[in-house]
Amino acid sequence: MPRTPAAIARRLGQHLQRADEAQAAPDAPILVHRETFRLPRAQAGATARAFLERYPESAYRTRIESWRLLDNGLVEFTMRRLPQVG
């Protein structure tokens, strides 16, 4: 099994896609947690940093899934992570 960064990224992407598809089933267990925030720009940055510190990418595959700047000046973003075990 190749251990190149591209191969690892491809396998991780496939795993996350299967997790999303499994979560879409009505009786499926929760495989990925998502939280959406709408905050002023400075507070959005601080919240995202705190979220990443609380759920490190290496342990929870935490990431900012999407973000956009709203007309009222707020930033809307969705954080995604794996659930805590135990």
N, C-alpha and C. Protein backbone atom coordinates (compact mmCIF):
# COMPACT_ATOMS: atom_id res chain seq x y z
N MET A 1 0.86 -1.18 0.00
CA MET A 1 0.00 0.00 0.00
C MET A 1 0.91 1.24 0.00
N PRO A 2 0.76 2.12 -1.00
CA PRO A 2 1.62 3.30 -1.07
C PRO A 2 1.36 4.26 0.09
N ARG A 3 2.41 4.89 0.57
CA ARG A 3 2.31 5.84 1.68
C ARG A 3 2.67 7.25 1.24
N THR A 4 2.42 7.57 -0.01
CA THR A 4 2.70 8.93 -0.47
C THR A 4 1.62 9.87 0.06
N PRO A 5 1.92 11.15 0.20
CA PRO A 5 0.89 12.08 0.68
C PRO A 5 -0.36 12.07 -0.20
N ALA A 6 -0.19 11.95 -1.49
CA ALA A 6 -1.36 11.93 -2.39
C ALA A 6 -2.22 10.69 -2.15
N ALA A 7 -1.59 9.55 -1.94
CA ALA A 7 -2.35 8.31 -1.70
C ALA A 7 -3.08 8.38 -0.37
N ILE A 8 -2.42 8.91 0.64
CA ILE A 8 -3.06 9.05 1.95
C ILE A 8 -4.23 10.01 1.86
N ALA A 9 -4.07 11.14 1.18
CA ALA A 9 -5.15 12.11 1.02
C ALA A 9 -6.32 11.51 0.26
N ARG A 10 -6.03 10.74 -0.77
CA ARG A 10 -7.09 10.10 -1.56
C ARG A 10 -7.88 9.12 -0.69
N ARG A 11 -7.18 8.29 0.09
CA ARG A 11 -7.86 7.32 0.95
C ARG A 11 -8.68 8.02 2.03
N LEU A 12 -8.14 9.09 2.60
CA LEU A 12 -8.87 9.85 3.61
C LEU A 12 -10.13 10.47 3.00
N GLY A 13 -10.01 11.04 1.81
CA GLY A 13 -11.17 11.61 1.13
C GLY A 13 -12.25 10.58 0.86
N GLN A 14 -11.84 9.39 0.45
CA GLN A 14 -12.81 8.32 0.20
C GLN A 14 -13.49 7.90 1.50
N HIS A 15 -12.71 7.82 2.57
CA HIS A 15 -13.28 7.45 3.87
C HIS A 15 -14.30 8.48 4.34
N LEU A 16 -13.96 9.76 4.22
CA LEU A 16 -14.89 10.81 4.64
C LEU A 16 -16.15 10.83 3.78
N GLN A 17 -16.00 10.55 2.49
CA GLN A 17 -17.18 10.50 1.62
C GLN A 17 -18.09 9.35 2.03
N ARG A 18 -17.52 8.18 2.33
CA ARG A 18 -18.34 7.05 2.79
C ARG A 18 -19.01 7.38 4.12
N ALA A 19 -18.31 8.09 5.00
CA ALA A 19 -18.89 8.48 6.29
C ALA A 19 -20.08 9.41 6.07
N ASP A 20 -19.94 10.37 5.15
CA ASP A 20 -21.05 11.29 4.86
C ASP A 20 -22.24 10.53 4.28
N GLU A 21 -21.98 9.58 3.38
CA GLU A 21 -23.07 8.80 2.78
C GLU A 21 -23.76 7.94 3.83
N ALA A 22 -22.98 7.35 4.74
CA ALA A 22 -23.57 6.52 5.79
C ALA A 22 -24.40 7.36 6.74
N GLN A 23 -23.94 8.58 7.03
CA GLN A 23 -24.68 9.45 7.95
C GLN A 23 -26.00 9.91 7.33
N ALA A 24 -26.09 9.93 6.02
CA ALA A 24 -27.32 10.36 5.35
C ALA A 24 -28.46 9.37 5.55
N ALA A 25 -28.14 8.12 5.86
CA ALA A 25 -29.18 7.11 6.11
C ALA A 25 -29.90 7.46 7.42
N PRO A 26 -31.24 7.30 7.48
CA PRO A 26 -31.99 7.74 8.65
C PRO A 26 -31.60 7.07 9.96
N ASP A 27 -31.22 5.80 9.95
CA ASP A 27 -30.90 5.08 11.17
C ASP A 27 -29.40 4.98 11.43
N ALA A 28 -28.61 5.68 10.64
CA ALA A 28 -27.16 5.58 10.76
C ALA A 28 -26.67 6.31 12.01
N PRO A 29 -25.62 5.78 12.64
CA PRO A 29 -25.05 6.50 13.78
C PRO A 29 -24.37 7.77 13.31
N ILE A 30 -24.19 8.72 14.22
CA ILE A 30 -23.53 9.97 13.86
C ILE A 30 -22.04 9.71 13.69
N LEU A 31 -21.54 9.93 12.49
CA LEU A 31 -20.13 9.69 12.21
C LEU A 31 -19.33 10.98 12.15
N VAL A 32 -19.99 12.09 11.87
CA VAL A 32 -19.32 13.38 11.75
C VAL A 32 -20.19 14.42 12.45
N HIS A 33 -19.55 15.26 13.28
CA HIS A 33 -20.27 16.35 13.93
C HIS A 33 -20.00 17.63 13.15
N ARG A 34 -21.04 18.42 12.96
CA ARG A 34 -20.91 19.71 12.30
C ARG A 34 -21.56 20.77 13.19
N GLU A 35 -20.90 21.91 13.28
CA GLU A 35 -21.46 23.06 13.99
C GLU A 35 -21.33 24.27 13.08
N THR A 36 -22.42 25.02 12.93
CA THR A 36 -22.41 26.21 12.09
C THR A 36 -22.49 27.44 12.99
N PHE A 37 -21.67 28.43 12.67
CA PHE A 37 -21.59 29.67 13.44
C PHE A 37 -21.85 30.85 12.52
N ARG A 38 -22.43 31.92 13.06
CA ARG A 38 -22.58 33.21 12.36
C ARG A 38 -22.09 34.28 13.33
N LEU A 39 -20.89 34.79 13.07
CA LEU A 39 -20.24 35.70 14.03
C LEU A 39 -19.55 36.85 13.31
N PRO A 40 -19.27 37.95 14.03
CA PRO A 40 -18.43 39.01 13.46
C PRO A 40 -17.05 38.43 13.14
N ARG A 41 -16.35 39.05 12.21
CA ARG A 41 -15.09 38.51 11.68
C ARG A 41 -14.07 38.16 12.77
N ALA A 42 -13.80 39.07 13.70
CA ALA A 42 -12.79 38.81 14.74
C ALA A 42 -13.22 37.66 15.64
N GLN A 43 -14.48 37.65 16.01
CA GLN A 43 -14.99 36.59 16.87
C GLN A 43 -15.01 35.25 16.12
N ALA A 44 -15.28 35.29 14.83
CA ALA A 44 -15.28 34.06 14.03
C ALA A 44 -13.89 33.43 14.02
N GLY A 45 -12.86 34.25 13.83
CA GLY A 45 -11.49 33.73 13.84
C GLY A 45 -11.12 33.13 15.18
N ALA A 46 -11.49 33.81 16.26
CA ALA A 46 -11.18 33.31 17.60
C ALA A 46 -11.93 32.00 17.88
N THR A 47 -13.18 31.93 17.45
CA THR A 47 -13.98 30.72 17.66
C THR A 47 -13.40 29.55 16.88
N ALA A 48 -13.02 29.78 15.64
CA ALA A 48 -12.44 28.71 14.83
C ALA A 48 -11.13 28.22 15.44
N ARG A 49 -10.27 29.15 15.90
CA ARG A 49 -9.01 28.75 16.53
C ARG A 49 -9.27 27.92 17.79
N ALA A 50 -10.22 28.36 18.62
CA ALA A 50 -10.54 27.63 19.85
C ALA A 50 -11.08 26.24 19.53
N PHE A 51 -11.91 26.13 18.50
CA PHE A 51 -12.46 24.85 18.09
C PHE A 51 -11.33 23.91 17.65
N LEU A 52 -10.39 24.45 16.86
CA LEU A 52 -9.27 23.64 16.38
C LEU A 52 -8.34 23.25 17.52
N GLU A 53 -8.21 24.09 18.53
CA GLU A 53 -7.39 23.74 19.69
C GLU A 53 -8.08 22.67 20.53
N ARG A 54 -9.39 22.79 20.67
CA ARG A 54 -10.14 21.81 21.47
C ARG A 54 -10.20 20.46 20.78
N TYR A 55 -10.37 20.45 19.47
CA TYR A 55 -10.46 19.23 18.68
C TYR A 55 -9.36 19.25 17.62
N PRO A 56 -8.14 18.87 17.96
CA PRO A 56 -7.02 18.95 17.02
C PRO A 56 -7.28 18.14 15.75
N GLU A 57 -6.77 18.66 14.65
CA GLU A 57 -6.98 18.01 13.36
C GLU A 57 -6.45 16.58 13.38
N SER A 58 -5.32 16.35 14.03
CA SER A 58 -4.71 15.02 14.03
C SER A 58 -5.58 13.99 14.75
N ALA A 59 -6.35 14.40 15.74
CA ALA A 59 -7.16 13.46 16.51
C ALA A 59 -8.60 13.37 16.01
N TYR A 60 -9.15 14.48 15.55
CA TYR A 60 -10.57 14.53 15.19
C TYR A 60 -10.84 14.86 13.73
N ARG A 61 -9.79 15.02 12.94
CA ARG A 61 -9.92 15.44 11.53
C ARG A 61 -10.78 16.70 11.43
N THR A 62 -10.54 17.61 12.33
CA THR A 62 -11.28 18.86 12.39
C THR A 62 -10.92 19.74 11.20
N ARG A 63 -11.91 20.40 10.65
CA ARG A 63 -11.66 21.33 9.56
C ARG A 63 -12.81 22.32 9.43
N ILE A 64 -12.52 23.43 8.79
CA ILE A 64 -13.58 24.37 8.43
C ILE A 64 -14.14 23.83 7.12
N GLU A 65 -15.37 23.37 7.17
CA GLU A 65 -15.97 22.72 6.01
C GLU A 65 -16.39 23.75 4.96
N SER A 66 -16.96 24.86 5.41
CA SER A 66 -17.37 25.92 4.48
C SER A 66 -17.43 27.23 5.24
N TRP A 67 -17.31 28.33 4.50
CA TRP A 67 -17.46 29.64 5.10
C TRP A 67 -17.89 30.63 4.03
N ARG A 68 -18.56 31.70 4.47
CA ARG A 68 -18.96 32.77 3.56
C ARG A 68 -19.17 34.04 4.35
N LEU A 69 -18.99 35.15 3.70
CA LEU A 69 -19.22 36.45 4.29
C LEU A 69 -20.64 36.87 3.95
N LEU A 70 -21.45 37.15 4.96
CA LEU A 70 -22.85 37.53 4.76
C LEU A 70 -22.96 39.03 4.49
N ASP A 71 -24.09 39.44 3.93
CA ASP A 71 -24.32 40.85 3.61
C ASP A 71 -24.26 41.75 4.84
N ASN A 72 -24.64 41.23 6.00
CA ASN A 72 -24.64 42.05 7.22
C ASN A 72 -23.27 42.11 7.89
N GLY A 73 -22.22 41.59 7.24
CA GLY A 73 -20.86 41.66 7.75
C GLY A 73 -20.45 40.48 8.61
N LEU A 74 -21.38 39.58 8.90
CA LEU A 74 -21.05 38.41 9.69
C LEU A 74 -20.40 37.34 8.81
N VAL A 75 -19.63 36.48 9.45
CA VAL A 75 -19.03 35.34 8.77
C VAL A 75 -19.80 34.10 9.20
N GLU A 76 -20.29 33.35 8.24
CA GLU A 76 -20.97 32.09 8.52
C GLU A 76 -20.00 30.97 8.14
N PHE A 77 -19.73 30.08 9.09
CA PHE A 77 -18.82 28.98 8.79
C PHE A 77 -19.27 27.73 9.52
N THR A 78 -18.93 26.59 8.94
CA THR A 78 -19.28 25.29 9.50
C THR A 78 -18.00 24.55 9.84
N MET A 79 -17.90 24.13 11.09
CA MET A 79 -16.77 23.32 11.55
C MET A 79 -17.21 21.86 11.55
N ARG A 80 -16.30 20.99 11.15
CA ARG A 80 -16.60 19.58 11.04
C ARG A 80 -15.53 18.80 11.80
N ARG A 81 -15.96 17.76 12.54
CA ARG A 81 -15.01 16.93 13.27
C ARG A 81 -15.60 15.55 13.50
N LEU A 82 -14.75 14.61 13.83
CA LEU A 82 -15.19 13.29 14.24
C LEU A 82 -15.68 13.36 15.67
N PRO A 83 -16.59 12.46 16.07
CA PRO A 83 -17.06 12.50 17.45
C PRO A 83 -15.99 12.04 18.43
N GLN A 84 -16.11 12.45 19.69
CA GLN A 84 -15.21 12.00 20.75
C GLN A 84 -15.55 10.55 21.06
N VAL A 85 -14.53 9.79 21.37
CA VAL A 85 -14.73 8.38 21.73
C VAL A 85 -14.52 8.24 23.22
N GLY A 86 -15.46 7.56 23.86
CA GLY A 86 -15.32 7.28 25.29
C GLY A 86 -15.69 8.36 26.12
